[in-house]
Amino acid sequence: MRLGITGTYSSGKTLTSLVVSHLLALPRTEARTMREILPDAAPGKTLEEVSSAQLIQMIVTRHTERVLHEHLKSPDFVSDGCSLQEWIYGSVRVKYGINPNQSISLAPGEAVTKTPELAYFEEMMIELGKLFKRHVKQSFDLFVHLPNELPLAKDGHRPVNEQFRSASDSLLKDTFDELGIKYVIVGGTMEERVERIAELVGRKPVMSVADAIKLAQDEYKTLIL
């Protein structure tokens, strides 16, 4: 079973994928976060300061790492997200700007002025999207999508806001529908989420949910998000 756990910012993907990995003894695959990639892609810059070209480099880097790890872990894995989310991360920035926090005052339906840089960035995202969509459609058996039930983390390093998060969530689900990819929306408490995921996967837990959550929480504390 090649399972993807999807959702947007602060939806609980990472912790949920960790719990599922422990609970069902599924290898977990991921890619470095944008924050981890940033020092190599744009030394000395914050995520708010990167150029569109640097952002494209980071998106492609993350996709490449996902492809490698998915290949190494197949045919059974649980993935923290998928390459569609890298594409969406870039695509939604066409509407809200390379630094979405600068457009936080936009009214619903409004978009930033499309500069020549943004227009070229949009072309790049359209073409990369074709590649990422083909890869994801071929590389997963099922997606569990986590709704935006949790507040957006105010950690000071993610240039996103509620409008950006909502738009990303909608585009991801619309893309699943466009591609005919099977996904199930699973919400609730962590216990409810992972018990439902175990049912969907049809895999017998190797430990209690409580033990899996404890192991995942300890591991989560060591991650750079």
N, C-alpha and C. Protein backbone atom coordinates (compact mmCIF):
# COMPACT_ATOMS: atom_id res chain seq x y z
N MET A 1 0.84 -1.20 0.00
CA MET A 1 0.00 0.00 0.00
C MET A 1 0.87 1.25 0.00
N ARG A 2 0.72 2.05 -1.02
CA ARG A 2 1.45 3.32 -1.11
C ARG A 2 0.45 4.42 -0.72
N LEU A 3 0.57 4.84 0.53
CA LEU A 3 -0.40 5.74 1.14
C LEU A 3 0.18 7.13 1.30
N GLY A 4 -0.59 8.14 0.88
CA GLY A 4 -0.18 9.52 1.08
C GLY A 4 -1.09 10.20 2.09
N ILE A 5 -0.50 10.94 3.01
CA ILE A 5 -1.27 11.75 3.96
C ILE A 5 -1.15 13.19 3.48
N THR A 6 -2.26 13.77 3.04
CA THR A 6 -2.20 15.13 2.50
C THR A 6 -3.03 16.09 3.35
N GLY A 7 -2.86 17.36 3.04
CA GLY A 7 -3.51 18.43 3.77
C GLY A 7 -2.63 19.66 3.62
N THR A 8 -3.12 20.79 4.03
CA THR A 8 -2.31 21.99 3.89
C THR A 8 -1.60 22.30 5.20
N TYR A 9 -1.13 23.54 5.33
CA TYR A 9 -0.32 23.95 6.46
C TYR A 9 -1.07 23.79 7.78
N SER A 10 -0.40 23.18 8.76
CA SER A 10 -0.95 23.00 10.11
C SER A 10 -2.17 22.08 10.14
N SER A 11 -2.28 21.18 9.17
CA SER A 11 -3.39 20.23 9.19
C SER A 11 -3.04 18.97 9.97
N GLY A 12 -1.76 18.79 10.30
CA GLY A 12 -1.35 17.63 11.09
C GLY A 12 -0.77 16.50 10.27
N LYS A 13 -0.34 16.77 9.03
CA LYS A 13 0.19 15.71 8.17
C LYS A 13 1.38 14.99 8.78
N THR A 14 2.33 15.76 9.24
CA THR A 14 3.59 15.15 9.69
C THR A 14 3.37 14.25 10.90
N LEU A 15 2.68 14.76 11.90
CA LEU A 15 2.45 13.93 13.10
C LEU A 15 1.58 12.73 12.77
N THR A 16 0.56 12.94 11.94
CA THR A 16 -0.32 11.82 11.58
C THR A 16 0.46 10.74 10.83
N SER A 17 1.33 11.15 9.91
CA SER A 17 2.10 10.16 9.16
C SER A 17 3.07 9.41 10.08
N LEU A 18 3.60 10.09 11.08
CA LEU A 18 4.47 9.42 12.04
C LEU A 18 3.70 8.39 12.85
N VAL A 19 2.51 8.75 13.31
CA VAL A 19 1.70 7.81 14.10
C VAL A 19 1.33 6.60 13.25
N VAL A 20 0.88 6.84 12.02
CA VAL A 20 0.49 5.75 11.13
C VAL A 20 1.68 4.83 10.86
N SER A 21 2.83 5.41 10.65
CA SER A 21 4.03 4.61 10.40
C SER A 21 4.31 3.65 11.56
N HIS A 22 4.25 4.16 12.79
CA HIS A 22 4.48 3.31 13.95
C HIS A 22 3.35 2.31 14.15
N LEU A 23 2.12 2.79 14.02
CA LEU A 23 0.96 1.94 14.31
C LEU A 23 0.87 0.75 13.35
N LEU A 24 1.14 1.00 12.06
CA LEU A 24 0.93 -0.03 11.05
C LEU A 24 2.23 -0.62 10.50
N ALA A 25 3.36 -0.23 11.10
CA ALA A 25 4.67 -0.71 10.64
C ALA A 25 4.87 -0.45 9.16
N LEU A 26 4.50 0.75 8.74
CA LEU A 26 4.71 1.18 7.36
C LEU A 26 5.93 2.09 7.31
N PRO A 27 6.87 1.84 6.42
CA PRO A 27 7.99 2.78 6.27
C PRO A 27 7.44 4.16 5.92
N ARG A 28 8.05 5.19 6.48
CA ARG A 28 7.59 6.56 6.22
C ARG A 28 8.54 7.26 5.27
N THR A 29 7.98 7.89 4.26
CA THR A 29 8.80 8.63 3.32
C THR A 29 8.41 10.11 3.36
N GLU A 30 9.39 10.96 3.08
CA GLU A 30 9.17 12.40 3.15
C GLU A 30 10.22 13.08 2.32
N ALA A 31 10.24 14.38 2.35
CA ALA A 31 11.32 15.17 1.76
C ALA A 31 11.71 16.23 2.78
N ARG A 32 12.90 16.79 2.62
CA ARG A 32 13.27 17.88 3.50
C ARG A 32 12.26 19.02 3.36
N THR A 33 12.04 19.73 4.43
CA THR A 33 11.14 20.86 4.40
C THR A 33 11.79 22.02 3.65
N MET A 34 10.95 22.99 3.23
CA MET A 34 11.49 24.18 2.58
C MET A 34 12.50 24.88 3.49
N ARG A 35 12.21 24.87 4.76
CA ARG A 35 13.12 25.52 5.72
C ARG A 35 14.48 24.84 5.74
N GLU A 36 14.51 23.51 5.57
CA GLU A 36 15.78 22.78 5.55
C GLU A 36 16.53 22.98 4.24
N ILE A 37 15.79 23.11 3.15
CA ILE A 37 16.39 23.29 1.83
C ILE A 37 16.92 24.72 1.65
N LEU A 38 16.28 25.67 2.32
CA LEU A 38 16.56 27.09 2.14
C LEU A 38 18.04 27.47 2.21
N PRO A 39 18.82 27.00 3.19
CA PRO A 39 20.22 27.44 3.28
C PRO A 39 21.05 27.08 2.05
N ASP A 40 20.71 25.97 1.38
CA ASP A 40 21.42 25.58 0.16
C ASP A 40 20.91 26.37 -1.05
N ALA A 41 19.61 26.59 -1.10
CA ALA A 41 19.01 27.24 -2.26
C ALA A 41 19.20 28.75 -2.27
N ALA A 42 19.12 29.36 -1.10
CA ALA A 42 19.20 30.82 -1.01
C ALA A 42 19.90 31.20 0.29
N PRO A 43 21.22 31.01 0.35
CA PRO A 43 21.95 31.28 1.60
C PRO A 43 21.72 32.69 2.12
N GLY A 44 21.42 32.77 3.41
CA GLY A 44 21.25 34.06 4.05
C GLY A 44 19.87 34.68 3.90
N LYS A 45 18.98 34.03 3.17
CA LYS A 45 17.64 34.57 2.96
C LYS A 45 16.61 33.83 3.81
N THR A 46 15.50 34.50 4.09
CA THR A 46 14.34 33.85 4.69
C THR A 46 13.42 33.41 3.57
N LEU A 47 12.40 32.61 3.90
CA LEU A 47 11.44 32.17 2.89
C LEU A 47 10.68 33.35 2.29
N GLU A 48 10.52 34.42 3.07
CA GLU A 48 9.83 35.60 2.56
C GLU A 48 10.67 36.35 1.53
N GLU A 49 11.98 36.14 1.55
CA GLU A 49 12.90 36.93 0.72
C GLU A 49 13.33 36.23 -0.56
N VAL A 50 13.00 34.95 -0.74
CA VAL A 50 13.50 34.23 -1.91
C VAL A 50 12.89 34.78 -3.20
N SER A 51 13.64 34.68 -4.29
CA SER A 51 13.15 35.06 -5.60
C SER A 51 12.32 33.93 -6.18
N SER A 52 11.62 34.21 -7.28
CA SER A 52 10.83 33.15 -7.92
C SER A 52 11.74 32.04 -8.43
N ALA A 53 12.92 32.39 -8.96
CA ALA A 53 13.84 31.37 -9.47
C ALA A 53 14.33 30.47 -8.33
N GLN A 54 14.62 31.05 -7.19
CA GLN A 54 15.06 30.26 -6.04
C GLN A 54 13.93 29.38 -5.52
N LEU A 55 12.72 29.90 -5.56
CA LEU A 55 11.57 29.11 -5.13
C LEU A 55 11.38 27.90 -6.05
N ILE A 56 11.56 28.09 -7.35
CA ILE A 56 11.45 26.97 -8.29
C ILE A 56 12.51 25.92 -7.97
N GLN A 57 13.73 26.36 -7.68
CA GLN A 57 14.79 25.41 -7.31
C GLN A 57 14.37 24.59 -6.10
N MET A 58 13.79 25.23 -5.10
CA MET A 58 13.39 24.54 -3.88
C MET A 58 12.25 23.56 -4.14
N ILE A 59 11.31 23.95 -4.98
CA ILE A 59 10.19 23.07 -5.32
C ILE A 59 10.68 21.83 -6.05
N VAL A 60 11.59 22.01 -7.01
CA VAL A 60 12.13 20.87 -7.77
C VAL A 60 12.98 19.98 -6.86
N THR A 61 13.74 20.59 -5.96
CA THR A 61 14.55 19.80 -5.02
C THR A 61 13.65 18.90 -4.17
N ARG A 62 12.58 19.48 -3.67
CA ARG A 62 11.70 18.70 -2.79
C ARG A 62 11.02 17.56 -3.56
N HIS A 63 10.59 17.87 -4.79
CA HIS A 63 9.99 16.83 -5.63
C HIS A 63 10.98 15.70 -5.89
N THR A 64 12.21 16.05 -6.22
CA THR A 64 13.23 15.04 -6.52
C THR A 64 13.47 14.13 -5.31
N GLU A 65 13.54 14.72 -4.14
CA GLU A 65 13.75 13.92 -2.93
C GLU A 65 12.56 12.99 -2.68
N ARG A 66 11.36 13.49 -2.93
CA ARG A 66 10.18 12.63 -2.75
C ARG A 66 10.25 11.43 -3.70
N VAL A 67 10.55 11.67 -4.97
CA VAL A 67 10.60 10.60 -5.96
C VAL A 67 11.60 9.53 -5.53
N LEU A 68 12.77 9.96 -5.10
CA LEU A 68 13.80 9.01 -4.67
C LEU A 68 13.33 8.18 -3.48
N HIS A 69 12.81 8.83 -2.47
CA HIS A 69 12.41 8.11 -1.27
C HIS A 69 11.21 7.19 -1.51
N GLU A 70 10.27 7.62 -2.34
CA GLU A 70 9.12 6.77 -2.68
C GLU A 70 9.59 5.51 -3.41
N HIS A 71 10.56 5.68 -4.30
CA HIS A 71 11.09 4.53 -5.04
C HIS A 71 11.78 3.55 -4.09
N LEU A 72 12.56 4.07 -3.17
CA LEU A 72 13.31 3.21 -2.26
C LEU A 72 12.40 2.47 -1.29
N LYS A 73 11.28 3.07 -0.90
CA LYS A 73 10.40 2.46 0.09
C LYS A 73 9.28 1.61 -0.53
N SER A 74 9.02 1.74 -1.83
CA SER A 74 7.95 0.97 -2.46
C SER A 74 8.21 -0.53 -2.30
N PRO A 75 7.14 -1.34 -2.24
CA PRO A 75 5.74 -1.02 -2.55
C PRO A 75 4.87 -0.65 -1.34
N ASP A 76 5.46 -0.50 -0.18
CA ASP A 76 4.65 -0.17 1.01
C ASP A 76 5.27 1.03 1.72
N PHE A 77 4.50 2.11 1.83
CA PHE A 77 4.99 3.27 2.58
C PHE A 77 3.82 4.18 2.92
N VAL A 78 4.06 5.04 3.90
CA VAL A 78 3.15 6.15 4.18
C VAL A 78 3.97 7.42 3.97
N SER A 79 3.42 8.35 3.19
CA SER A 79 4.14 9.55 2.83
C SER A 79 3.54 10.78 3.50
N ASP A 80 4.43 11.63 4.02
CA ASP A 80 4.03 12.92 4.57
C ASP A 80 3.87 13.89 3.41
N GLY A 81 2.65 13.94 2.84
CA GLY A 81 2.40 14.78 1.69
C GLY A 81 2.77 14.11 0.39
N CYS A 82 2.79 14.89 -0.70
CA CYS A 82 3.16 14.39 -2.01
C CYS A 82 3.60 15.56 -2.88
N SER A 83 4.10 15.26 -4.07
CA SER A 83 4.64 16.31 -4.94
C SER A 83 3.59 17.31 -5.40
N LEU A 84 2.33 16.93 -5.38
CA LEU A 84 1.30 17.91 -5.73
C LEU A 84 1.36 19.12 -4.82
N GLN A 85 1.77 18.91 -3.59
CA GLN A 85 1.79 20.01 -2.64
C GLN A 85 2.91 21.01 -2.94
N GLU A 86 4.02 20.53 -3.51
CA GLU A 86 5.06 21.45 -3.94
C GLU A 86 4.54 22.32 -5.09
N TRP A 87 3.86 21.68 -6.03
CA TRP A 87 3.31 22.41 -7.16
C TRP A 87 2.26 23.43 -6.69
N ILE A 88 1.42 23.02 -5.77
CA ILE A 88 0.39 23.92 -5.25
C ILE A 88 1.02 25.07 -4.48
N TYR A 89 2.06 24.77 -3.72
CA TYR A 89 2.78 25.80 -2.96
C TYR A 89 3.22 26.92 -3.88
N GLY A 90 3.70 26.55 -5.08
CA GLY A 90 4.09 27.55 -6.05
C GLY A 90 2.91 28.17 -6.77
N SER A 91 1.96 27.35 -7.18
CA SER A 91 0.83 27.84 -7.98
C SER A 91 0.00 28.87 -7.24
N VAL A 92 -0.24 28.65 -5.95
CA VAL A 92 -1.06 29.60 -5.20
C VAL A 92 -0.31 30.91 -4.99
N ARG A 93 1.02 30.86 -5.03
CA ARG A 93 1.79 32.09 -4.92
C ARG A 93 1.62 32.99 -6.15
N VAL A 94 1.18 32.43 -7.25
CA VAL A 94 0.89 33.27 -8.42
C VAL A 94 -0.23 34.26 -8.07
N LYS A 95 -1.18 33.79 -7.29
CA LYS A 95 -2.30 34.65 -6.91
C LYS A 95 -1.96 35.59 -5.78
N TYR A 96 -1.20 35.09 -4.79
CA TYR A 96 -0.95 35.87 -3.58
C TYR A 96 0.44 36.49 -3.52
N GLY A 97 1.28 36.22 -4.52
CA GLY A 97 2.60 36.81 -4.54
C GLY A 97 3.66 35.87 -4.00
N ILE A 98 4.91 36.12 -4.38
CA ILE A 98 6.01 35.27 -3.93
C ILE A 98 6.10 35.25 -2.41
N ASN A 99 5.79 36.37 -1.78
CA ASN A 99 5.67 36.41 -0.32
C ASN A 99 4.19 36.68 0.01
N PRO A 100 3.40 35.64 0.27
CA PRO A 100 1.96 35.82 0.50
C PRO A 100 1.61 36.72 1.68
N ASN A 101 2.53 36.85 2.64
CA ASN A 101 2.21 37.70 3.79
C ASN A 101 2.08 39.17 3.41
N GLN A 102 2.65 39.56 2.26
CA GLN A 102 2.51 40.93 1.80
C GLN A 102 1.12 41.21 1.22
N SER A 103 0.37 40.14 0.94
CA SER A 103 -0.96 40.31 0.35
C SER A 103 -2.07 39.87 1.30
N ILE A 104 -1.76 39.88 2.59
CA ILE A 104 -2.70 39.35 3.57
C ILE A 104 -3.99 40.16 3.63
N SER A 105 -3.96 41.41 3.15
CA SER A 105 -5.14 42.27 3.20
C SER A 105 -6.04 42.13 1.98
N LEU A 106 -5.68 41.26 1.04
CA LEU A 106 -6.52 41.08 -0.15
C LEU A 106 -7.91 40.60 0.24
N ALA A 107 -8.92 41.11 -0.45
CA ALA A 107 -10.28 40.64 -0.25
C ALA A 107 -10.46 39.31 -0.97
N PRO A 108 -11.44 38.49 -0.55
CA PRO A 108 -11.69 37.22 -1.23
C PRO A 108 -11.89 37.44 -2.73
N GLY A 109 -11.19 36.63 -3.53
CA GLY A 109 -11.30 36.74 -4.98
C GLY A 109 -10.28 37.66 -5.60
N GLU A 110 -9.62 38.51 -4.80
CA GLU A 110 -8.61 39.41 -5.33
C GLU A 110 -7.28 38.69 -5.47
N ALA A 111 -6.42 39.24 -6.34
CA ALA A 111 -5.08 38.70 -6.54
C ALA A 111 -4.11 39.86 -6.65
N VAL A 112 -2.84 39.55 -6.42
CA VAL A 112 -1.82 40.59 -6.57
C VAL A 112 -1.63 40.91 -8.05
N THR A 113 -1.04 42.05 -8.35
CA THR A 113 -0.74 42.42 -9.73
C THR A 113 0.24 41.42 -10.32
N LYS A 114 -0.06 40.94 -11.53
CA LYS A 114 0.79 39.94 -12.16
C LYS A 114 1.94 40.61 -12.89
N THR A 115 3.05 40.72 -12.21
CA THR A 115 4.26 41.31 -12.78
C THR A 115 4.85 40.35 -13.82
N PRO A 116 5.80 40.82 -14.65
CA PRO A 116 6.46 39.90 -15.58
C PRO A 116 7.10 38.70 -14.87
N GLU A 117 7.66 38.94 -13.69
CA GLU A 117 8.24 37.83 -12.93
C GLU A 117 7.17 36.81 -12.54
N LEU A 118 6.03 37.29 -12.05
CA LEU A 118 4.95 36.36 -11.67
C LEU A 118 4.37 35.65 -12.88
N ALA A 119 4.29 36.34 -14.02
CA ALA A 119 3.75 35.71 -15.23
C ALA A 119 4.66 34.55 -15.67
N TYR A 120 5.97 34.76 -15.62
CA TYR A 120 6.90 33.69 -15.98
C TYR A 120 6.83 32.56 -14.95
N PHE A 121 6.75 32.93 -13.69
CA PHE A 121 6.63 31.94 -12.63
C PHE A 121 5.38 31.09 -12.83
N GLU A 122 4.28 31.71 -13.25
CA GLU A 122 3.04 30.99 -13.51
C GLU A 122 3.24 29.97 -14.63
N GLU A 123 3.93 30.37 -15.70
CA GLU A 123 4.21 29.43 -16.79
C GLU A 123 5.00 28.23 -16.30
N MET A 124 5.99 28.48 -15.48
CA MET A 124 6.81 27.40 -14.93
C MET A 124 5.97 26.46 -14.09
N MET A 125 5.07 27.01 -13.26
CA MET A 125 4.24 26.17 -12.41
C MET A 125 3.27 25.31 -13.23
N ILE A 126 2.77 25.86 -14.32
CA ILE A 126 1.87 25.09 -15.18
C ILE A 126 2.61 23.88 -15.76
N GLU A 127 3.84 24.10 -16.24
CA GLU A 127 4.60 23.00 -16.84
C GLU A 127 5.07 22.00 -15.80
N LEU A 128 5.54 22.48 -14.66
CA LEU A 128 5.94 21.55 -13.60
C LEU A 128 4.75 20.76 -13.09
N GLY A 129 3.59 21.41 -13.07
CA GLY A 129 2.38 20.72 -12.63
C GLY A 129 2.07 19.49 -13.46
N LYS A 130 2.32 19.56 -14.75
CA LYS A 130 2.07 18.40 -15.63
C LYS A 130 2.93 17.22 -15.20
N LEU A 131 4.20 17.50 -14.91
CA LEU A 131 5.13 16.46 -14.47
C LEU A 131 4.72 15.90 -13.12
N PHE A 132 4.44 16.78 -12.16
CA PHE A 132 4.12 16.34 -10.81
C PHE A 132 2.82 15.52 -10.80
N LYS A 133 1.84 15.94 -11.59
CA LYS A 133 0.58 15.21 -11.65
C LYS A 133 0.78 13.81 -12.19
N ARG A 134 1.57 13.68 -13.26
CA ARG A 134 1.84 12.34 -13.81
C ARG A 134 2.50 11.45 -12.76
N HIS A 135 3.47 12.02 -12.06
CA HIS A 135 4.19 11.21 -11.07
C HIS A 135 3.26 10.74 -9.95
N VAL A 136 2.47 11.64 -9.40
CA VAL A 136 1.62 11.29 -8.27
C VAL A 136 0.56 10.27 -8.68
N LYS A 137 -0.02 10.44 -9.84
CA LYS A 137 -1.05 9.51 -10.30
C LYS A 137 -0.51 8.08 -10.43
N GLN A 138 0.78 7.97 -10.78
CA GLN A 138 1.39 6.65 -10.97
C GLN A 138 1.98 6.06 -9.69
N SER A 139 2.13 6.88 -8.67
CA SER A 139 2.98 6.47 -7.55
C SER A 139 2.26 6.19 -6.24
N PHE A 140 0.93 6.38 -6.20
CA PHE A 140 0.18 6.18 -4.96
C PHE A 140 -1.07 5.34 -5.21
N ASP A 141 -1.46 4.59 -4.17
CA ASP A 141 -2.68 3.79 -4.23
C ASP A 141 -3.85 4.49 -3.57
N LEU A 142 -3.58 5.31 -2.55
CA LEU A 142 -4.65 5.96 -1.79
C LEU A 142 -4.10 7.20 -1.10
N PHE A 143 -4.95 8.22 -1.02
CA PHE A 143 -4.62 9.40 -0.23
C PHE A 143 -5.64 9.58 0.88
N VAL A 144 -5.14 9.92 2.05
CA VAL A 144 -5.99 10.37 3.15
C VAL A 144 -5.76 11.87 3.27
N HIS A 145 -6.83 12.62 3.16
CA HIS A 145 -6.72 14.08 3.19
C HIS A 145 -7.24 14.62 4.52
N LEU A 146 -6.40 15.40 5.19
CA LEU A 146 -6.76 15.97 6.49
C LEU A 146 -7.34 17.37 6.30
N PRO A 147 -8.53 17.63 6.81
CA PRO A 147 -9.15 18.95 6.65
C PRO A 147 -8.47 19.99 7.53
N ASN A 148 -8.74 21.26 7.25
CA ASN A 148 -8.18 22.36 8.04
C ASN A 148 -8.97 22.53 9.34
N GLU A 149 -8.75 21.62 10.27
CA GLU A 149 -9.45 21.68 11.56
C GLU A 149 -8.63 22.38 12.63
N LEU A 150 -7.33 22.50 12.41
CA LEU A 150 -6.43 23.03 13.43
C LEU A 150 -6.03 24.46 13.07
N PRO A 151 -5.72 25.29 14.06
CA PRO A 151 -5.30 26.67 13.77
C PRO A 151 -3.96 26.70 13.05
N LEU A 152 -3.77 27.70 12.21
CA LEU A 152 -2.52 27.87 11.49
C LEU A 152 -1.40 28.18 12.47
N ALA A 153 -0.33 27.41 12.41
CA ALA A 153 0.79 27.60 13.34
C ALA A 153 1.41 28.98 13.16
N LYS A 154 1.60 29.68 14.25
CA LYS A 154 2.24 30.99 14.22
C LYS A 154 3.69 30.82 14.65
N ASP A 155 4.47 30.18 13.75
CA ASP A 155 5.85 29.88 14.12
C ASP A 155 6.85 30.89 13.57
N GLY A 156 6.37 31.88 12.80
CA GLY A 156 7.23 32.96 12.37
C GLY A 156 8.10 32.69 11.16
N HIS A 157 8.06 31.47 10.59
CA HIS A 157 8.91 31.23 9.44
C HIS A 157 8.16 30.72 8.21
N ARG A 158 6.84 30.60 8.28
CA ARG A 158 6.09 30.15 7.11
C ARG A 158 5.34 31.33 6.50
N PRO A 159 5.70 31.71 5.27
CA PRO A 159 5.02 32.85 4.65
C PRO A 159 3.68 32.45 4.05
N VAL A 160 2.74 32.08 4.92
CA VAL A 160 1.40 31.70 4.48
C VAL A 160 0.39 32.35 5.42
N ASN A 161 -0.85 32.43 4.97
CA ASN A 161 -1.92 32.95 5.80
C ASN A 161 -3.17 32.11 5.54
N GLU A 162 -4.27 32.46 6.21
CA GLU A 162 -5.47 31.63 6.11
C GLU A 162 -6.02 31.58 4.68
N GLN A 163 -5.98 32.71 3.96
CA GLN A 163 -6.45 32.69 2.57
C GLN A 163 -5.60 31.75 1.73
N PHE A 164 -4.29 31.82 1.91
CA PHE A 164 -3.36 30.96 1.18
C PHE A 164 -3.64 29.49 1.52
N ARG A 165 -3.85 29.21 2.78
CA ARG A 165 -4.10 27.84 3.22
C ARG A 165 -5.39 27.30 2.64
N SER A 166 -6.45 28.10 2.66
CA SER A 166 -7.73 27.67 2.13
C SER A 166 -7.66 27.43 0.63
N ALA A 167 -6.99 28.33 -0.09
CA ALA A 167 -6.86 28.18 -1.53
C ALA A 167 -6.05 26.93 -1.88
N SER A 168 -5.01 26.65 -1.10
CA SER A 168 -4.19 25.46 -1.32
C SER A 168 -5.00 24.19 -1.11
N ASP A 169 -5.80 24.18 -0.06
CA ASP A 169 -6.62 23.01 0.25
C ASP A 169 -7.61 22.74 -0.88
N SER A 170 -8.25 23.77 -1.37
CA SER A 170 -9.24 23.61 -2.45
C SER A 170 -8.58 23.12 -3.72
N LEU A 171 -7.42 23.69 -4.07
CA LEU A 171 -6.74 23.29 -5.30
C LEU A 171 -6.28 21.84 -5.23
N LEU A 172 -5.83 21.40 -4.07
CA LEU A 172 -5.38 20.02 -3.92
C LEU A 172 -6.54 19.05 -4.15
N LYS A 173 -7.67 19.30 -3.54
CA LYS A 173 -8.83 18.40 -3.71
C LYS A 173 -9.35 18.46 -5.14
N ASP A 174 -9.36 19.65 -5.74
CA ASP A 174 -9.79 19.77 -7.13
C ASP A 174 -8.86 18.98 -8.06
N THR A 175 -7.57 18.97 -7.75
CA THR A 175 -6.61 18.25 -8.58
C THR A 175 -6.78 16.74 -8.44
N PHE A 176 -7.04 16.26 -7.23
CA PHE A 176 -7.36 14.84 -7.05
C PHE A 176 -8.55 14.46 -7.93
N ASP A 177 -9.59 15.29 -7.91
CA ASP A 177 -10.77 15.02 -8.71
C ASP A 177 -10.44 15.05 -10.21
N GLU A 178 -9.66 16.03 -10.63
CA GLU A 178 -9.26 16.15 -12.03
C GLU A 178 -8.54 14.90 -12.52
N LEU A 179 -7.68 14.35 -11.67
CA LEU A 179 -6.86 13.21 -12.06
C LEU A 179 -7.53 11.86 -11.78
N GLY A 180 -8.69 11.90 -11.13
CA GLY A 180 -9.37 10.65 -10.79
C GLY A 180 -8.62 9.87 -9.73
N ILE A 181 -7.94 10.57 -8.82
CA ILE A 181 -7.16 9.93 -7.76
C ILE A 181 -8.06 9.71 -6.54
N LYS A 182 -8.00 8.50 -5.99
CA LYS A 182 -8.83 8.17 -4.84
C LYS A 182 -8.30 8.85 -3.58
N TYR A 183 -9.18 9.57 -2.89
CA TYR A 183 -8.80 10.16 -1.60
C TYR A 183 -10.00 10.13 -0.66
N VAL A 184 -9.70 10.04 0.62
CA VAL A 184 -10.73 10.01 1.65
C VAL A 184 -10.39 11.10 2.66
N ILE A 185 -11.37 11.94 2.98
CA ILE A 185 -11.17 12.97 3.99
C ILE A 185 -11.37 12.37 5.37
N VAL A 186 -10.35 12.51 6.21
CA VAL A 186 -10.39 11.93 7.55
C VAL A 186 -10.04 13.01 8.56
N GLY A 187 -10.97 13.31 9.45
CA GLY A 187 -10.74 14.33 10.47
C GLY A 187 -10.91 13.76 11.86
N GLY A 188 -11.06 14.65 12.83
CA GLY A 188 -11.26 14.23 14.21
C GLY A 188 -9.98 14.26 15.02
N THR A 189 -10.02 13.64 16.17
CA THR A 189 -8.85 13.56 17.03
C THR A 189 -7.80 12.67 16.38
N MET A 190 -6.59 12.71 16.90
CA MET A 190 -5.54 11.85 16.35
C MET A 190 -5.94 10.38 16.46
N GLU A 191 -6.52 10.01 17.58
CA GLU A 191 -6.96 8.63 17.74
C GLU A 191 -7.98 8.24 16.67
N GLU A 192 -8.95 9.14 16.46
CA GLU A 192 -9.98 8.87 15.44
C GLU A 192 -9.39 8.81 14.05
N ARG A 193 -8.45 9.69 13.77
CA ARG A 193 -7.82 9.71 12.45
C ARG A 193 -7.12 8.39 12.16
N VAL A 194 -6.24 7.98 13.06
CA VAL A 194 -5.40 6.82 12.74
C VAL A 194 -6.19 5.51 12.78
N GLU A 195 -7.21 5.44 13.62
CA GLU A 195 -8.04 4.24 13.62
C GLU A 195 -8.79 4.12 12.30
N ARG A 196 -9.27 5.24 11.78
CA ARG A 196 -9.95 5.24 10.48
C ARG A 196 -8.98 4.89 9.35
N ILE A 197 -7.75 5.42 9.43
CA ILE A 197 -6.75 5.12 8.40
C ILE A 197 -6.40 3.64 8.41
N ALA A 198 -6.29 3.04 9.60
CA ALA A 198 -6.00 1.60 9.68
C ALA A 198 -7.10 0.79 9.00
N GLU A 199 -8.35 1.22 9.18
CA GLU A 199 -9.47 0.55 8.52
C GLU A 199 -9.37 0.67 7.01
N LEU A 200 -9.06 1.86 6.53
CA LEU A 200 -8.97 2.10 5.09
C LEU A 200 -7.86 1.28 4.45
N VAL A 201 -6.73 1.20 5.15
CA VAL A 201 -5.58 0.48 4.62
C VAL A 201 -5.76 -1.03 4.73
N GLY A 202 -6.53 -1.46 5.73
CA GLY A 202 -6.73 -2.89 5.94
C GLY A 202 -5.49 -3.58 6.47
N ARG A 203 -4.76 -2.86 7.30
CA ARG A 203 -3.52 -3.39 7.86
C ARG A 203 -3.65 -3.46 9.37
N LYS A 204 -3.24 -4.56 9.96
CA LYS A 204 -3.41 -4.77 11.39
C LYS A 204 -2.37 -3.97 12.18
N PRO A 205 -2.81 -3.20 13.18
CA PRO A 205 -1.85 -2.45 14.02
C PRO A 205 -0.88 -3.39 14.71
N VAL A 206 0.35 -2.91 14.88
CA VAL A 206 1.37 -3.72 15.55
C VAL A 206 1.58 -3.25 16.98
N MET A 207 0.86 -2.21 17.40
CA MET A 207 0.93 -1.69 18.76
C MET A 207 -0.34 -0.92 19.04
N SER A 208 -0.50 -0.46 20.25
CA SER A 208 -1.69 0.32 20.59
C SER A 208 -1.58 1.72 19.98
N VAL A 209 -2.73 2.35 19.79
CA VAL A 209 -2.75 3.72 19.27
C VAL A 209 -2.02 4.66 20.23
N ALA A 210 -2.22 4.46 21.53
CA ALA A 210 -1.56 5.31 22.52
C ALA A 210 -0.04 5.22 22.42
N ASP A 211 0.48 4.01 22.25
CA ASP A 211 1.93 3.83 22.14
C ASP A 211 2.46 4.46 20.84
N ALA A 212 1.70 4.30 19.76
CA ALA A 212 2.11 4.87 18.47
C ALA A 212 2.15 6.40 18.55
N ILE A 213 1.17 6.98 19.22
CA ILE A 213 1.13 8.44 19.37
C ILE A 213 2.30 8.93 20.21
N LYS A 214 2.61 8.21 21.27
CA LYS A 214 3.74 8.61 22.13
C LYS A 214 5.06 8.56 21.35
N LEU A 215 5.29 7.49 20.60
CA LEU A 215 6.51 7.38 19.80
C LEU A 215 6.58 8.50 18.77
N ALA A 216 5.44 8.78 18.13
CA ALA A 216 5.40 9.81 17.10
C ALA A 216 5.66 11.20 17.69
N GLN A 217 5.07 11.47 18.84
CA GLN A 217 5.28 12.78 19.48
C GLN A 217 6.74 12.98 19.85
N ASP A 218 7.39 11.95 20.34
CA ASP A 218 8.81 12.05 20.70
C ASP A 218 9.66 12.31 19.44
N GLU A 219 9.32 11.64 18.35
CA GLU A 219 10.06 11.81 17.10
C GLU A 219 9.79 13.18 16.50
N TYR A 220 8.57 13.63 16.62
CA TYR A 220 8.16 14.94 16.06
C TYR A 220 8.99 16.07 16.64
N LYS A 221 9.30 15.96 17.92
CA LYS A 221 10.06 17.00 18.59
C LYS A 221 11.47 17.18 18.02
N THR A 222 11.96 16.17 17.31
CA THR A 222 13.32 16.23 16.77
C THR A 222 13.35 16.80 15.35
N LEU A 223 12.19 17.04 14.75
CA LEU A 223 12.13 17.45 13.35
C LEU A 223 12.26 18.97 13.20
N ILE A 224 12.77 19.39 12.05
CA ILE A 224 12.81 20.80 11.66
C ILE A 224 11.66 21.02 10.68
N LEU A 225 10.64 21.74 11.10
CA LEU A 225 9.43 21.90 10.28
C LEU A 225 9.34 23.29 9.70
